[in-house]
Protein backbone atom coordinates (compact mmCIF):
# COMPACT_ATOMS: atom_id res chain seq x y z
CA MET A 1 0.00 0.00 0.00
CA ILE A 2 1.17 3.51 -0.84
CA LYS A 3 0.72 5.89 2.10
CA CYS A 4 0.21 9.52 1.13
CA VAL A 5 -0.74 12.89 2.54
CA CYS A 6 -2.87 15.32 0.59
CA LEU A 7 -4.20 18.84 0.74
CA VAL A 8 -7.98 18.88 0.37
CA GLU A 9 -9.51 22.10 -0.89
CA GLU A 10 -13.20 21.85 -1.72
CA THR A 11 -16.59 23.44 -1.78
CA ASN A 12 -19.91 21.60 -1.66
CA ASP A 13 -19.77 21.02 -5.42
CA GLN A 14 -16.12 21.36 -6.47
CA ILE A 15 -12.73 20.00 -5.53
CA LEU A 16 -9.25 21.32 -6.36
CA LEU A 17 -6.95 18.77 -7.98
CA VAL A 18 -3.58 18.67 -9.71
CA GLN A 19 -2.20 16.87 -12.71
CA VAL A 20 1.18 15.20 -12.34
CA ARG A 21 3.54 14.70 -15.28
CA ASN A 22 0.71 15.21 -17.81
CA ARG A 23 -1.11 12.04 -16.68
CA GLU A 24 -4.75 11.67 -17.66
CA LYS A 25 -6.21 11.60 -14.14
CA TYR A 26 -6.00 14.36 -11.53
CA TYR A 27 -5.56 13.96 -7.80
CA PHE A 28 -4.96 15.94 -4.63
CA PRO A 29 -1.79 17.98 -4.16
CA GLY A 30 0.47 15.92 -1.90
CA GLY A 31 2.47 12.77 -2.08
CA LYS A 32 4.15 9.86 -0.41
CA ILE A 33 5.25 9.95 3.19
CA ASP A 34 9.03 9.59 3.48
CA ALA A 35 10.56 7.06 5.89
CA GLY A 36 10.59 8.44 9.43
CA GLU A 37 8.33 11.37 8.52
CA THR A 38 5.17 12.23 10.46
CA LEU A 39 1.96 13.03 8.60
CA LEU A 40 2.36 16.72 9.46
CA GLU A 41 5.98 16.81 8.32
CA ALA A 42 4.97 15.14 5.05
CA ILE A 43 2.04 17.44 4.25
CA GLN A 44 4.10 20.52 5.09
CA ARG A 45 6.91 19.37 2.78
CA GLU A 46 4.64 18.29 -0.07
CA VAL A 47 2.65 21.55 -0.11
CA LYS A 48 5.90 23.53 -0.21
CA GLU A 49 7.38 21.37 -3.00
CA GLU A 50 4.33 21.22 -5.24
CA LEU A 51 2.53 24.50 -4.63
CA GLN A 52 5.28 26.76 -3.25
CA LEU A 53 3.13 27.43 -0.17
CA ALA A 54 4.78 27.58 3.24
CA PHE A 55 2.68 26.74 6.28
CA GLU A 56 3.50 25.84 9.85
CA GLN A 57 2.51 22.34 10.92
CA SER A 58 -0.02 23.93 13.29
CA ASP A 59 -1.80 25.45 10.24
CA PHE A 60 -2.92 22.00 9.05
CA THR A 61 -6.04 20.22 10.26
CA TYR A 62 -6.44 16.48 9.73
CA LEU A 63 -9.69 15.60 7.92
CA GLY A 64 -9.60 11.84 7.64
CA THR A 65 -8.27 8.86 5.74
CA VAL A 66 -9.56 6.75 2.87
CA VAL A 67 -8.07 3.78 1.06
CA GLY A 68 -8.69 3.43 -2.65
CA ASP A 69 -7.16 2.20 -5.86
CA ALA A 70 -3.83 3.82 -6.64
CA TYR A 71 -3.26 5.71 -9.87
CA PRO A 72 -1.49 5.08 -12.18
CA GLN A 73 -0.28 1.91 -10.44
CA LYS A 74 -2.43 -1.14 -11.12
CA ASN A 75 -3.43 -3.69 -8.44
CA THR A 76 -2.19 -1.35 -5.71
CA LEU A 77 -4.01 0.53 -2.98
CA THR A 78 -3.23 4.00 -1.71
CA GLU A 79 -4.02 5.48 1.67
CA LEU A 80 -4.93 9.16 1.46
CA ASN A 81 -4.50 11.12 4.69
CA GLY A 82 -6.30 14.39 4.03
CA PHE A 83 -5.54 17.78 5.53
CA LYS A 84 -6.83 21.31 5.08
CA VAL A 85 -5.38 24.67 6.03
CA GLN A 86 -7.34 27.35 7.85
CA GLN A 87 -5.96 30.25 5.81
CA LYS A 88 -7.65 31.32 2.62
CA ILE A 89 -5.45 30.57 -0.39
CA ASP A 90 -5.56 32.68 -3.55
CA TRP A 91 -5.44 29.74 -5.96
CA ASP A 92 -5.10 32.02 -8.98
CA SER A 93 -1.68 33.14 -7.73
CA VAL A 94 -0.31 29.72 -6.71
CA LYS A 95 2.82 28.73 -8.61
CA ILE A 96 2.88 25.00 -9.27
CA ASP A 97 6.25 23.33 -9.23
CA ASN A 98 8.08 20.03 -9.26
CA GLU A 99 6.14 17.39 -11.18
CA ILE A 100 2.81 19.30 -11.22
CA THR A 101 1.72 20.19 -14.76
CA ASP A 102 -1.78 21.60 -14.09
CA ILE A 103 -4.07 22.65 -11.26
CA ARG A 104 -7.83 23.15 -11.57
CA TRP A 105 -11.23 22.89 -9.94
CA PHE A 106 -13.44 19.93 -10.82
CA ASP A 107 -17.14 19.35 -10.34
CA LYS A 108 -17.40 16.48 -7.85
CA SER A 109 -20.09 14.80 -9.93
CA ASP A 110 -17.89 14.60 -13.05
CA THR A 111 -15.31 11.98 -12.12
CA THR A 112 -14.06 11.28 -15.66
CA LEU A 113 -10.61 12.80 -15.01
CA ILE A 114 -10.44 12.17 -11.24
CA ALA A 115 -8.16 9.44 -9.88
CA PRO A 116 -9.95 6.49 -8.20
CA ALA A 117 -8.76 7.18 -4.63
CA VAL A 118 -10.00 10.79 -4.90
CA VAL A 119 -13.38 9.49 -6.11
CA LYS A 120 -13.42 7.30 -2.99
CA TRP A 121 -12.66 10.41 -0.90
CA ILE A 122 -15.54 12.32 -2.51
CA GLU A 123 -17.93 9.41 -1.95
CA THR A 124 -16.84 8.95 1.67
CA PHE A 125 -16.71 12.54 2.86
CA SER A 126 -19.44 14.16 0.75
CA GLU A 127 -21.94 11.83 2.44
CA ARG A 128 -20.93 13.17 5.86
CA LYS A 129 -21.71 16.81 5.07
């Protein structure tokens, strides 16, 4: 299983996702947890690497965890540990970096380009609202 942290930014109808290395499906900003790293250390590092946003660990709030099919790996599961930040982010001014090739908002009901584990997140947490 691939264990990841991710930044979840959403409204009731839309969710912010990124494209990595021009792959077809989009998923949350974030990535794998390095050996010896806590969840907070990992999300802080990933947000800085991918989005050029610097936050203190205390700025992150844990939202929950889902397990779903990994993408693009086949026959593999991924564990998504979701976090949000309390500060409002001006997404129009965010500078993507590293392997991120696109960032955009998606309608939660149109899952055509959304990675399977993110679809699982939407199904799991949208029902709780």
